[in-house]
Amino acid sequence: MPEKPGRIFDRDQDWQGLTAYIRNDQPEPTLGVVSGRRRQGKTYLLTALTEVTGGFYFEADEATEAESLRLFGAALGSFSGSPVRFTAWDDALAYFFSLADGRPLPLVIDEFPLLTKASPALPSILARQLDAQWSGRARPHPARVLLCGSAMSVMGRLLSGEAPLRGRAGLEMIIRPLGYRDAAAFWGVTDHRLALLLHAIVGGTPAYRRQFVRNDAPNGLGDFDSWVCRNVLNPQVPLFREARYLLAEEVGARDPGLYQSVLGAIASGNTTNGAIASYIGRKSAEIAHPLNVLEDSHLIARQPDLFRRGRSTYRITEPLITFYQAVMRPRWAELDLGGAERVWRDSRNRFGSQVMGPHFEQICREWVLTADVFGESAGEVGPVTVPDPGRKSQIEIDVAVLSPAWPGEPRRVLSLGEAKWDKVMGRRQLSRLARARDLLADRGFDTSAAVLACYSGAGFDPDLVAAAASENLLLVDARRLYG
């Protein structure tokens, strides 16, 4: 396997997947699709791949079809050493495939959606070229074609439904942000509380560590507030406008105000379809399309209620957008004039409730998926609402864990958990969880082995710690999340 260059942090699984795809020894061409939002390191990964394998890399630009063909031809000519010029994509792609003459060779087209914008028929032409070589109508070449792009909604449609390339790809890879543990290592942060605070703003996007803040990482927990003001809330730093650009890249000119309002509603805690519609003053049917677009763009995710089928909530997947909506957007004009310290001082409570609290809950759900603490792997993890008719109320469960769904076997509740970022947890939270467990048992759920779990960023009462030694109780703090 080609060795991954040292400049590529982590991404071992992605590298293995790409190199395994290239090493396939079949004599015909193969097609792979690599997608991921901007700033995740796709270009770093793919350029490194072509460097170590001697492959071809081309990055498309916004251009007309004629100019795109000219730029593509120039890149092909530079790679092959023979000047070429094309007037049609059929000829250009035939030459493109011929570069892999006698050996599997990666051929990368980055920002493929920009080419399809100027040449909508390009996926069909590519499918025709693949079919001709697979059927023997044309001489086959072992090209390992990789189409890459940041427009998630466009890339997702390449292989879906009745798209021309559906059923023709042998690789579909999404380059995701670094996980919260890897992100802490990438930023060089060892203080677990600081790591969580930092991740709640910039997530696991590699570019935000280097280019966007010029390698300026917080120098300890005491430097966090200053770091936020000098980087995230500073109009002279690129990170300041990044959240706006992330949305614009996906929705373009399609009523950006509506999309901003939908995201603002979710960031404010209005997470159901009805609550979002009410918050922005629209009917539920009118927000179905923007919700679908944002979900296809991987900017939001829909979370089904594990115990109430048909009921779902939405969450924003990009931490920087949540931070922008909760802290920056309401005071944008003031920030643009240099009022970072004042805005941040006034926004700390909102940051805790609208940004840090929900983010901590999501990190706890991610931890459960990889932690071996229930005697078996988690099947589904998510937030749930348990009705309490006797008290005419509802119990919100932040981290509910169900067993895997096996045919013929009943689903079991493995755990019910509550997560609090800034509150010391005690018997009160434990009583709520026990009440929810009993209510679910009355409704027919198997809760016989359910572990009650408390997740806290601020710690636990001594009596709760003592109880954990003898009761079926799990306590998880920031240190354990990173352990």
Protein backbone atom coordinates (compact mmCIF):
# COMPACT_ATOMS: atom_id res chain seq x y z
CA MET A 1 0.00 0.00 0.00
CA PRO A 2 1.40 3.47 -0.84
CA GLU A 3 2.50 5.16 2.36
CA LYS A 4 0.49 8.16 3.49
CA PRO A 5 2.61 11.35 3.50
CA GLY A 6 3.44 12.68 6.93
CA ARG A 7 1.77 16.02 6.26
CA ILE A 8 -1.66 14.33 6.27
CA PHE A 9 -2.99 14.26 9.84
CA ASP A 10 -5.06 11.18 10.73
CA ARG A 11 -7.32 10.11 7.81
CA ASP A 12 -5.85 6.59 8.00
CA GLN A 13 -9.15 4.90 7.19
CA ASP A 14 -9.80 7.23 4.25
CA TRP A 15 -6.28 6.63 2.93
CA GLN A 16 -6.71 2.87 3.17
CA GLY A 17 -10.02 3.07 1.33
CA LEU A 18 -8.55 5.15 -1.50
CA THR A 19 -5.45 3.00 -1.94
CA ALA A 20 -7.52 -0.21 -1.88
CA TYR A 21 -9.71 1.26 -4.60
CA ILE A 22 -6.67 2.10 -6.74
CA ARG A 23 -4.99 -1.29 -6.25
CA ASN A 24 -7.96 -3.13 -7.76
CA ASP A 25 -6.40 -5.20 -10.56
CA GLN A 26 -9.36 -5.44 -12.94
CA PRO A 27 -8.39 -4.34 -16.47
CA GLU A 28 -11.42 -2.09 -16.96
CA PRO A 29 -11.88 1.42 -15.54
CA THR A 30 -13.58 2.01 -12.20
CA LEU A 31 -15.40 5.03 -10.81
CA GLY A 32 -15.23 6.49 -7.33
CA VAL A 33 -17.01 9.48 -5.80
CA VAL A 34 -15.40 11.45 -2.97
CA SER A 35 -17.34 14.26 -1.31
CA GLY A 36 -17.21 16.40 1.79
CA ARG A 37 -17.76 19.99 2.78
CA ARG A 38 -15.02 22.50 2.07
CA ARG A 39 -12.06 22.83 4.44
CA GLN A 40 -12.04 19.13 5.43
CA GLY A 41 -8.79 18.30 3.63
CA LYS A 42 -10.09 16.52 0.52
CA THR A 43 -7.65 18.31 -1.76
CA TYR A 44 -4.73 17.57 0.59
CA LEU A 45 -5.69 13.91 0.56
CA LEU A 46 -6.24 13.55 -3.19
CA THR A 47 -3.19 15.54 -4.28
CA ALA A 48 -1.08 13.44 -1.93
CA LEU A 49 -2.61 10.30 -3.43
CA THR A 50 -1.75 11.32 -6.99
CA GLU A 51 1.75 12.38 -5.94
CA VAL A 52 2.69 9.04 -4.40
CA THR A 53 1.07 7.01 -7.19
CA GLY A 54 2.01 9.12 -10.20
CA GLY A 55 -1.65 9.88 -10.89
CA PHE A 56 -3.41 12.80 -12.57
CA TYR A 57 -5.11 15.60 -10.64
CA PHE A 58 -7.28 18.36 -12.09
CA GLU A 59 -9.22 20.97 -10.11
CA ALA A 60 -12.13 22.52 -11.97
CA ASP A 61 -12.97 26.18 -11.79
CA GLU A 62 -16.06 28.24 -12.52
CA ALA A 63 -15.93 28.66 -16.29
CA THR A 64 -17.87 28.19 -19.49
CA GLU A 65 -17.86 24.79 -21.15
CA ALA A 66 -15.37 25.91 -23.79
CA GLU A 67 -12.92 27.29 -21.24
CA SER A 68 -13.33 24.23 -18.99
CA LEU A 69 -12.42 21.99 -21.93
CA ARG A 70 -9.42 24.17 -22.68
CA LEU A 71 -8.21 24.07 -19.06
CA PHE A 72 -8.82 20.32 -18.81
CA GLY A 73 -6.92 19.74 -22.06
CA ALA A 74 -4.01 21.87 -20.87
CA ALA A 75 -3.77 19.83 -17.66
CA LEU A 76 -3.93 16.54 -19.58
CA GLY A 77 -1.28 17.75 -22.01
CA SER A 78 1.01 18.81 -19.18
CA PHE A 79 0.63 15.42 -17.52
CA SER A 80 1.17 13.36 -20.70
CA GLY A 81 3.85 15.56 -22.21
CA SER A 82 1.87 15.94 -25.46
CA PRO A 83 -0.16 19.10 -26.11
CA VAL A 84 -3.84 18.33 -26.65
CA ARG A 85 -6.93 20.42 -27.32
CA PHE A 86 -10.58 19.36 -27.21
CA THR A 87 -13.86 20.80 -28.39
CA ALA A 88 -16.13 18.12 -26.91
CA TRP A 89 -16.21 16.17 -23.67
CA ASP A 90 -16.48 12.81 -25.46
CA ASP A 91 -12.99 13.26 -26.93
CA ALA A 92 -11.59 14.76 -23.73
CA LEU A 93 -12.79 11.85 -21.58
CA ALA A 94 -11.60 9.24 -24.07
CA TYR A 95 -8.11 10.74 -23.85
CA PHE A 96 -8.50 11.04 -20.06
CA PHE A 97 -9.12 7.28 -19.73
CA SER A 98 -6.21 6.46 -22.06
CA LEU A 99 -3.73 7.92 -19.56
CA ALA A 100 -4.07 4.67 -17.62
CA ASP A 101 -2.40 2.57 -20.25
CA GLY A 102 -1.23 -0.75 -18.83
CA ARG A 103 -1.51 -0.08 -15.10
CA PRO A 104 -4.15 1.09 -12.62
CA LEU A 105 -3.78 4.86 -12.36
CA PRO A 106 -5.77 7.34 -10.24
CA LEU A 107 -7.33 10.08 -12.34
CA VAL A 108 -8.85 12.79 -10.14
CA ILE A 109 -11.29 15.51 -11.12
CA ASP A 110 -11.79 17.82 -8.17
CA GLU A 111 -14.76 20.20 -7.82
CA PHE A 112 -16.66 18.16 -10.37
CA PRO A 113 -19.94 20.06 -9.71
CA LEU A 114 -18.37 23.16 -11.28
CA LEU A 115 -17.92 21.23 -14.54
CA THR A 116 -21.48 19.89 -14.49
CA LYS A 117 -22.81 23.39 -13.90
CA ALA A 118 -21.42 24.49 -17.27
CA SER A 119 -21.89 21.06 -18.91
CA PRO A 120 -25.00 19.34 -17.47
CA ALA A 121 -24.58 16.37 -19.85
CA LEU A 122 -21.11 15.53 -18.50
CA PRO A 123 -22.27 12.70 -16.14
CA SER A 124 -24.09 11.06 -19.06
CA ILE A 125 -21.02 11.35 -21.28
CA LEU A 126 -18.85 9.84 -18.55
CA ALA A 127 -21.33 6.98 -18.11
CA ARG A 128 -21.22 6.35 -21.86
CA GLN A 129 -17.41 6.19 -21.82
CA LEU A 130 -17.45 3.73 -18.93
CA ASP A 131 -20.06 1.54 -20.59
CA ALA A 132 -18.10 1.45 -23.85
CA GLN A 133 -15.00 0.11 -22.09
CA TRP A 134 -16.91 -2.29 -19.87
CA SER A 135 -18.80 -3.77 -22.84
CA GLY A 136 -15.74 -4.19 -25.05
CA ARG A 137 -16.88 -1.63 -27.62
CA ALA A 138 -13.74 0.36 -26.82
CA ARG A 139 -10.31 -0.71 -25.65
CA PRO A 140 -10.41 -0.83 -21.84
CA HIS A 141 -7.97 1.11 -19.68
CA PRO A 142 -7.54 0.46 -15.93
CA ALA A 143 -8.29 4.07 -15.03
CA ARG A 144 -9.25 4.62 -11.40
CA VAL A 145 -11.42 7.69 -11.84
CA LEU A 146 -12.21 9.76 -8.75
CA LEU A 147 -14.82 12.53 -8.93
CA CYS A 148 -14.58 14.89 -6.00
CA GLY A 149 -16.68 17.85 -4.88
CA SER A 150 -17.70 20.06 -1.98
CA ALA A 151 -21.28 20.77 -3.06
CA MET A 152 -22.79 17.97 -1.00
CA SER A 153 -26.26 18.18 -2.49
CA VAL A 154 -24.85 17.91 -6.04
CA MET A 155 -22.44 15.11 -5.20
CA GLY A 156 -25.17 13.18 -3.42
CA ARG A 157 -27.32 13.23 -6.54
CA LEU A 158 -24.59 11.80 -8.81
CA LEU A 159 -25.36 8.23 -7.75
CA SER A 160 -28.99 8.53 -6.69
CA GLY A 161 -32.33 7.82 -8.27
CA GLU A 162 -32.13 7.67 -12.05
CA ALA A 163 -28.86 9.63 -12.32
CA PRO A 164 -26.66 8.54 -15.27
CA LEU A 165 -23.86 7.31 -12.99
CA ARG A 166 -26.10 5.35 -10.63
CA GLY A 167 -24.85 1.78 -10.22
CA ARG A 168 -21.51 2.52 -11.86
CA ALA A 169 -19.42 3.56 -8.84
CA GLY A 170 -17.18 1.18 -6.92
CA LEU A 171 -16.34 3.72 -4.22
CA GLU A 172 -18.44 6.31 -2.42
CA MET A 173 -16.53 8.14 0.29
CA ILE A 174 -17.45 11.15 2.42
CA ILE A 175 -14.53 13.02 3.98
CA ARG A 176 -15.95 14.08 7.32
CA PRO A 177 -14.64 16.49 9.96
CA LEU A 178 -12.21 15.06 12.47
CA GLY A 179 -13.81 13.38 15.47
CA TYR A 180 -13.73 15.34 18.71
CA ARG A 181 -10.78 13.34 20.10
CA ASP A 182 -8.73 13.72 16.90
CA ALA A 183 -9.64 17.40 16.73
CA ALA A 184 -8.21 17.96 20.22
CA ALA A 185 -4.98 16.26 19.17
CA PHE A 186 -4.86 18.29 15.96
CA TRP A 187 -5.19 21.54 17.91
CA GLY A 188 -2.68 20.36 20.49
CA VAL A 189 -5.18 20.80 23.34
CA THR A 190 -4.82 18.52 26.36
CA ASP A 191 -7.27 20.26 28.72
CA HIS A 192 -10.49 18.31 28.20
CA ARG A 193 -12.82 21.16 29.11
CA LEU A 194 -10.99 23.51 26.75
CA ALA A 195 -11.13 20.88 24.03
CA LEU A 196 -14.92 20.68 24.35
CA LEU A 197 -15.31 24.47 24.31
CA LEU A 198 -13.13 24.74 21.24
CA HIS A 199 -14.92 21.92 19.43
CA ALA A 200 -18.28 23.57 20.10
CA ILE A 201 -17.16 26.48 17.90
CA VAL A 202 -14.87 25.10 15.19
CA GLY A 203 -15.72 21.39 15.28
CA GLY A 204 -13.27 19.11 13.53
CA THR A 205 -12.57 21.12 10.37
CA PRO A 206 -8.79 21.01 9.80
CA ALA A 207 -8.52 24.30 7.89
CA TYR A 208 -9.83 26.25 10.88
CA ARG A 209 -6.72 25.25 12.81
CA ARG A 210 -4.18 26.42 10.26
CA GLN A 211 -5.08 28.80 7.43
CA PHE A 212 -8.07 30.48 9.04
CA VAL A 213 -6.46 31.49 12.35
CA ARG A 214 -2.79 31.33 11.35
CA ASN A 215 -2.10 28.44 13.75
CA ASP A 216 -3.32 30.47 16.72
CA ALA A 217 -4.58 27.93 19.27
CA PRO A 218 -5.80 28.86 22.78
CA ASN A 219 -2.95 28.87 25.26
CA GLY A 220 -4.86 27.10 28.02
CA LEU A 221 -8.39 27.44 29.39
CA GLY A 222 -7.70 30.97 30.63
CA ASP A 223 -6.96 32.10 27.06
CA PHE A 224 -10.22 30.79 25.58
CA ASP A 225 -12.22 34.03 25.87
CA SER A 226 -9.39 36.05 24.37
CA TRP A 227 -8.97 33.49 21.57
CA VAL A 228 -12.67 33.78 20.67
CA CYS A 229 -12.43 37.57 20.48
CA ARG A 230 -9.21 37.72 18.48
CA ASN A 231 -10.17 35.01 15.98
CA VAL A 232 -13.86 34.09 15.75
CA LEU A 233 -15.35 37.52 16.48
CA ASN A 234 -12.63 39.53 14.74
CA PRO A 235 -13.78 40.90 11.34
CA GLN A 236 -10.15 40.89 10.15
CA VAL A 237 -9.88 37.09 10.47
CA PRO A 238 -11.40 34.81 7.76
CA LEU A 239 -13.20 32.69 10.36
CA PHE A 240 -15.45 35.68 11.09
CA ARG A 241 -17.45 35.31 7.83
CA GLU A 242 -16.99 31.59 7.30
CA ALA A 243 -20.43 30.53 8.58
CA ARG A 244 -22.09 32.80 6.03
CA TYR A 245 -19.97 31.40 3.23
CA LEU A 246 -20.79 27.80 4.20
CA LEU A 247 -24.48 28.46 3.68
CA ALA A 248 -24.01 30.52 0.50
CA GLU A 249 -21.97 27.73 -1.10
CA GLU A 250 -24.90 25.34 -0.77
CA VAL A 251 -28.01 27.45 -1.33
CA GLY A 252 -26.60 30.06 -3.72
CA ALA A 253 -29.15 32.73 -4.53
CA ARG A 254 -32.15 30.71 -3.30
CA ASP A 255 -33.78 32.98 -0.69
CA PRO A 256 -30.81 33.06 1.71
CA GLY A 257 -32.90 34.90 4.30
CA LEU A 258 -35.26 31.94 4.62
CA TYR A 259 -32.39 29.50 5.10
CA GLN A 260 -30.75 31.75 7.68
CA SER A 261 -34.06 31.94 9.56
CA VAL A 262 -34.45 28.16 9.54
CA LEU A 263 -30.96 27.72 10.95
CA GLY A 264 -31.60 30.48 13.48
CA ALA A 265 -34.74 28.71 14.64
CA ILE A 266 -32.90 25.43 15.17
CA ALA A 267 -30.02 27.15 16.98
CA SER A 268 -32.58 28.80 19.30
CA GLY A 269 -33.93 25.42 20.37
CA ASN A 270 -36.88 25.16 17.96
CA THR A 271 -36.01 21.75 16.61
CA THR A 272 -39.28 20.24 15.34
CA ASN A 273 -40.85 21.04 11.98
CA GLY A 274 -43.78 22.80 13.62
CA ALA A 275 -41.61 24.79 16.03
CA ILE A 276 -39.31 25.95 13.23
CA ALA A 277 -42.26 27.03 11.08
CA SER A 278 -43.84 28.93 13.97
CA TYR A 279 -40.55 30.65 14.84
CA ILE A 280 -40.00 32.02 11.33
CA GLY A 281 -43.67 32.76 10.61
CA ARG A 282 -44.24 30.19 7.87
CA LYS A 283 -46.46 27.16 7.43
CA SER A 284 -44.91 23.73 7.97
CA ALA A 285 -45.32 22.83 4.31
CA GLU A 286 -43.40 25.95 3.29
CA ILE A 287 -40.25 24.93 5.13
CA ALA A 288 -40.13 21.33 3.88
CA HIS A 289 -37.96 22.27 0.89
CA PRO A 290 -35.35 24.36 2.78
CA LEU A 291 -35.11 21.62 5.40
CA ASN A 292 -34.49 19.05 2.66
CA VAL A 293 -31.85 21.25 1.00
CA LEU A 294 -30.03 21.83 4.29
CA GLU A 295 -30.18 18.12 5.09
CA ASP A 296 -28.88 17.15 1.62
CA SER A 297 -26.07 19.66 2.14
CA HIS A 298 -25.15 17.98 5.45
CA LEU A 299 -25.62 21.28 7.29
CA ILE A 300 -28.43 19.85 9.42
CA ALA A 301 -29.38 16.32 10.43
CA ARG A 302 -32.78 14.86 11.26
CA GLN A 303 -32.94 12.84 14.48
CA PRO A 304 -35.89 10.41 14.76
CA ASP A 305 -37.30 9.99 18.26
CA LEU A 306 -36.38 6.41 19.15
CA PHE A 307 -39.59 5.83 21.10
CA ARG A 308 -42.07 7.82 19.02
CA ARG A 309 -41.93 6.83 15.38
CA GLY A 310 -42.86 9.67 13.06
CA ARG A 311 -41.56 12.36 15.41
CA SER A 312 -38.20 13.90 14.57
CA THR A 313 -36.05 16.82 15.61
CA TYR A 314 -33.36 18.67 13.69
CA ARG A 315 -29.88 19.70 14.74
CA ILE A 316 -27.20 21.77 13.03
CA THR A 317 -24.18 19.61 12.17
CA GLU A 318 -21.65 22.41 11.66
CA PRO A 319 -20.70 23.90 15.06
CA LEU A 320 -19.52 27.18 13.54
CA ILE A 321 -23.00 27.79 12.08
CA THR A 322 -24.63 27.21 15.47
CA PHE A 323 -22.17 29.65 17.06
CA TYR A 324 -22.82 32.20 14.33
CA GLN A 325 -26.59 31.96 14.71
CA ALA A 326 -26.57 32.12 18.52
CA VAL A 327 -23.80 34.64 19.15
CA MET A 328 -22.78 36.53 16.01
CA ARG A 329 -25.86 37.04 13.85
CA PRO A 330 -27.90 38.96 16.48
CA ARG A 331 -25.02 41.46 16.96
CA TRP A 332 -23.43 41.36 13.50
CA ALA A 333 -23.25 45.13 12.90
CA GLU A 334 -21.65 45.67 16.29
CA LEU A 335 -19.09 42.94 15.68
CA ASP A 336 -18.28 44.34 12.26
CA LEU A 337 -17.33 47.62 13.98
CA GLY A 338 -14.92 45.87 16.35
CA GLY A 339 -17.09 45.22 19.41
CA ALA A 340 -15.90 41.65 19.98
CA GLU A 341 -15.16 41.91 23.72
CA ARG A 342 -18.47 43.55 24.57
CA VAL A 343 -20.52 41.15 22.43
CA TRP A 344 -18.76 38.10 23.85
CA ARG A 345 -19.21 39.30 27.42
CA ASP A 346 -22.94 39.79 26.83
CA SER A 347 -23.30 36.47 25.00
CA ARG A 348 -21.68 34.05 27.41
CA ASN A 349 -24.98 32.83 28.87
CA ARG A 350 -26.46 32.34 25.39
CA PHE A 351 -23.30 30.50 24.35
CA GLY A 352 -23.73 28.13 27.28
CA SER A 353 -27.40 27.38 26.70
CA GLN A 354 -27.71 27.44 22.89
CA VAL A 355 -24.25 26.32 21.79
CA MET A 356 -22.36 24.49 24.50
CA GLY A 357 -25.26 22.61 26.06
CA PRO A 358 -26.62 21.00 22.86
CA HIS A 359 -23.08 20.36 21.60
CA PHE A 360 -22.11 18.56 24.79
CA GLU A 361 -25.20 16.36 24.47
CA GLN A 362 -24.19 15.39 20.92
CA ILE A 363 -20.61 14.62 21.97
CA CYS A 364 -22.00 12.30 24.67
CA ARG A 365 -24.09 10.48 22.05
CA GLU A 366 -21.01 10.05 19.87
CA TRP A 367 -19.06 8.71 22.85
CA VAL A 368 -21.73 6.08 23.53
CA LEU A 369 -21.41 4.74 19.97
CA THR A 370 -17.75 3.87 20.54
CA ALA A 371 -17.70 3.11 24.27
CA ASP A 372 -18.03 -0.49 25.42
CA VAL A 373 -19.93 0.15 28.64
CA PHE A 374 -23.26 -1.66 28.25
CA GLY A 375 -22.07 -5.18 27.59
CA GLU A 376 -22.98 -4.93 23.89
CA SER A 377 -22.73 -2.40 21.09
CA ALA A 378 -25.31 0.37 20.87
CA GLY A 379 -27.83 -0.04 18.06
CA GLU A 380 -29.39 3.40 18.07
CA VAL A 381 -28.53 6.48 20.11
CA GLY A 382 -30.49 9.71 20.27
CA PRO A 383 -32.61 12.12 22.26
CA VAL A 384 -36.12 11.05 23.23
CA THR A 385 -39.16 12.46 24.99
CA VAL A 386 -40.99 10.28 27.51
CA PRO A 387 -44.57 11.38 28.28
CA ASP A 388 -45.47 11.42 31.96
CA PRO A 389 -49.29 11.43 32.04
CA GLY A 390 -49.49 11.20 35.83
CA ARG A 391 -47.65 14.49 36.23
CA LYS A 392 -48.96 15.99 32.96
CA SER A 393 -45.42 16.61 31.78
CA GLN A 394 -42.65 15.15 29.65
CA ILE A 395 -39.19 13.92 30.52
CA GLU A 396 -36.47 14.88 28.06
CA ILE A 397 -33.80 12.20 27.72
CA ASP A 398 -30.61 13.47 26.11
CA VAL A 399 -28.86 10.14 25.51
CA ALA A 400 -31.13 7.14 25.01
CA VAL A 401 -29.49 3.91 23.87
CA LEU A 402 -31.28 0.98 22.25
CA SER A 403 -29.89 -2.48 21.52
CA PRO A 404 -29.21 -3.43 17.89
CA ALA A 405 -32.23 -4.48 15.83
CA TRP A 406 -31.96 -8.23 15.21
CA PRO A 407 -34.73 -10.12 13.39
CA GLY A 408 -37.03 -11.89 15.81
CA GLU A 409 -35.51 -10.29 18.91
CA PRO A 410 -37.13 -7.54 21.01
CA ARG A 411 -35.40 -4.16 21.27
CA ARG A 412 -34.03 -3.43 24.71
CA VAL A 413 -33.31 -0.10 26.34
CA LEU A 414 -29.61 -0.26 27.20
CA SER A 415 -29.36 3.16 28.82
CA LEU A 416 -31.15 6.40 29.60
CA GLY A 417 -28.94 9.42 30.18
CA GLU A 418 -29.04 13.11 30.94
CA ALA A 419 -26.25 15.49 29.91
CA LYS A 420 -25.46 18.83 31.59
CA TRP A 421 -22.52 20.90 30.52
CA ASP A 422 -22.43 23.49 33.30
CA LYS A 423 -24.34 21.88 36.19
CA VAL A 424 -23.10 19.60 38.94
CA MET A 425 -25.38 16.57 38.72
CA GLY A 426 -26.97 14.84 41.69
CA ARG A 427 -29.87 12.73 42.89
CA ARG A 428 -32.44 14.99 41.22
CA GLN A 429 -31.26 14.05 37.73
CA LEU A 430 -31.02 10.39 38.73
CA SER A 431 -34.63 10.42 39.96
CA ARG A 432 -35.84 11.83 36.64
CA LEU A 433 -34.06 9.07 34.75
CA ALA A 434 -35.49 6.39 37.05
CA ARG A 435 -38.98 7.82 36.53
CA ALA A 436 -38.51 7.70 32.73
CA ARG A 437 -37.29 4.10 32.95
CA ASP A 438 -40.38 3.06 34.91
CA LEU A 439 -42.73 4.86 32.51
CA LEU A 440 -41.15 3.10 29.53
CA ALA A 441 -41.44 -0.25 31.29
CA ASP A 442 -45.15 0.42 31.82
CA ARG A 443 -45.46 1.01 28.05
CA GLY A 444 -43.94 -2.39 27.28
CA PHE A 445 -40.30 -1.53 26.70
CA ASP A 446 -37.67 -3.90 28.09
CA THR A 447 -35.78 -1.73 30.60
CA SER A 448 -34.70 -4.56 32.89
CA ALA A 449 -31.00 -3.95 32.28
CA ALA A 450 -31.13 -0.23 31.46
CA VAL A 451 -28.16 1.71 32.80
CA LEU A 452 -28.97 5.18 34.11
CA ALA A 453 -26.25 7.58 32.96
CA CYS A 454 -25.26 11.09 33.99
CA TYR A 455 -22.96 13.07 31.70
CA SER A 456 -21.54 16.27 33.13
CA GLY A 457 -18.98 18.87 32.21
CA ALA A 458 -19.08 20.30 35.75
CA GLY A 459 -18.90 17.16 37.91
CA PHE A 460 -21.13 15.17 40.28
CA ASP A 461 -22.37 15.40 43.85
CA PRO A 462 -20.41 13.16 46.25
CA ASP A 463 -23.52 11.11 47.07
CA LEU A 464 -24.05 10.41 43.36
CA VAL A 465 -20.44 9.26 43.04
CA ALA A 466 -20.94 6.97 46.05
CA ALA A 467 -24.15 5.59 44.56
CA ALA A 468 -22.40 4.72 41.30
CA ALA A 469 -20.32 2.15 43.14
CA SER A 470 -23.33 0.04 44.07
CA GLU A 471 -26.14 0.96 41.65
CA ASN A 472 -26.54 0.37 37.91
CA LEU A 473 -25.34 3.92 37.28
CA LEU A 474 -22.84 5.37 34.82
CA LEU A 475 -21.06 8.69 35.43
CA VAL A 476 -19.20 10.30 32.51
CA ASP A 477 -17.19 13.51 32.81
CA ALA A 478 -15.05 15.38 30.28
CA ARG A 479 -11.96 13.33 31.14
CA ARG A 480 -13.76 10.07 30.43
CA LEU A 481 -15.11 11.39 27.11
CA TYR A 482 -11.53 11.78 25.94
CA GLY A 483 -10.21 8.64 27.65
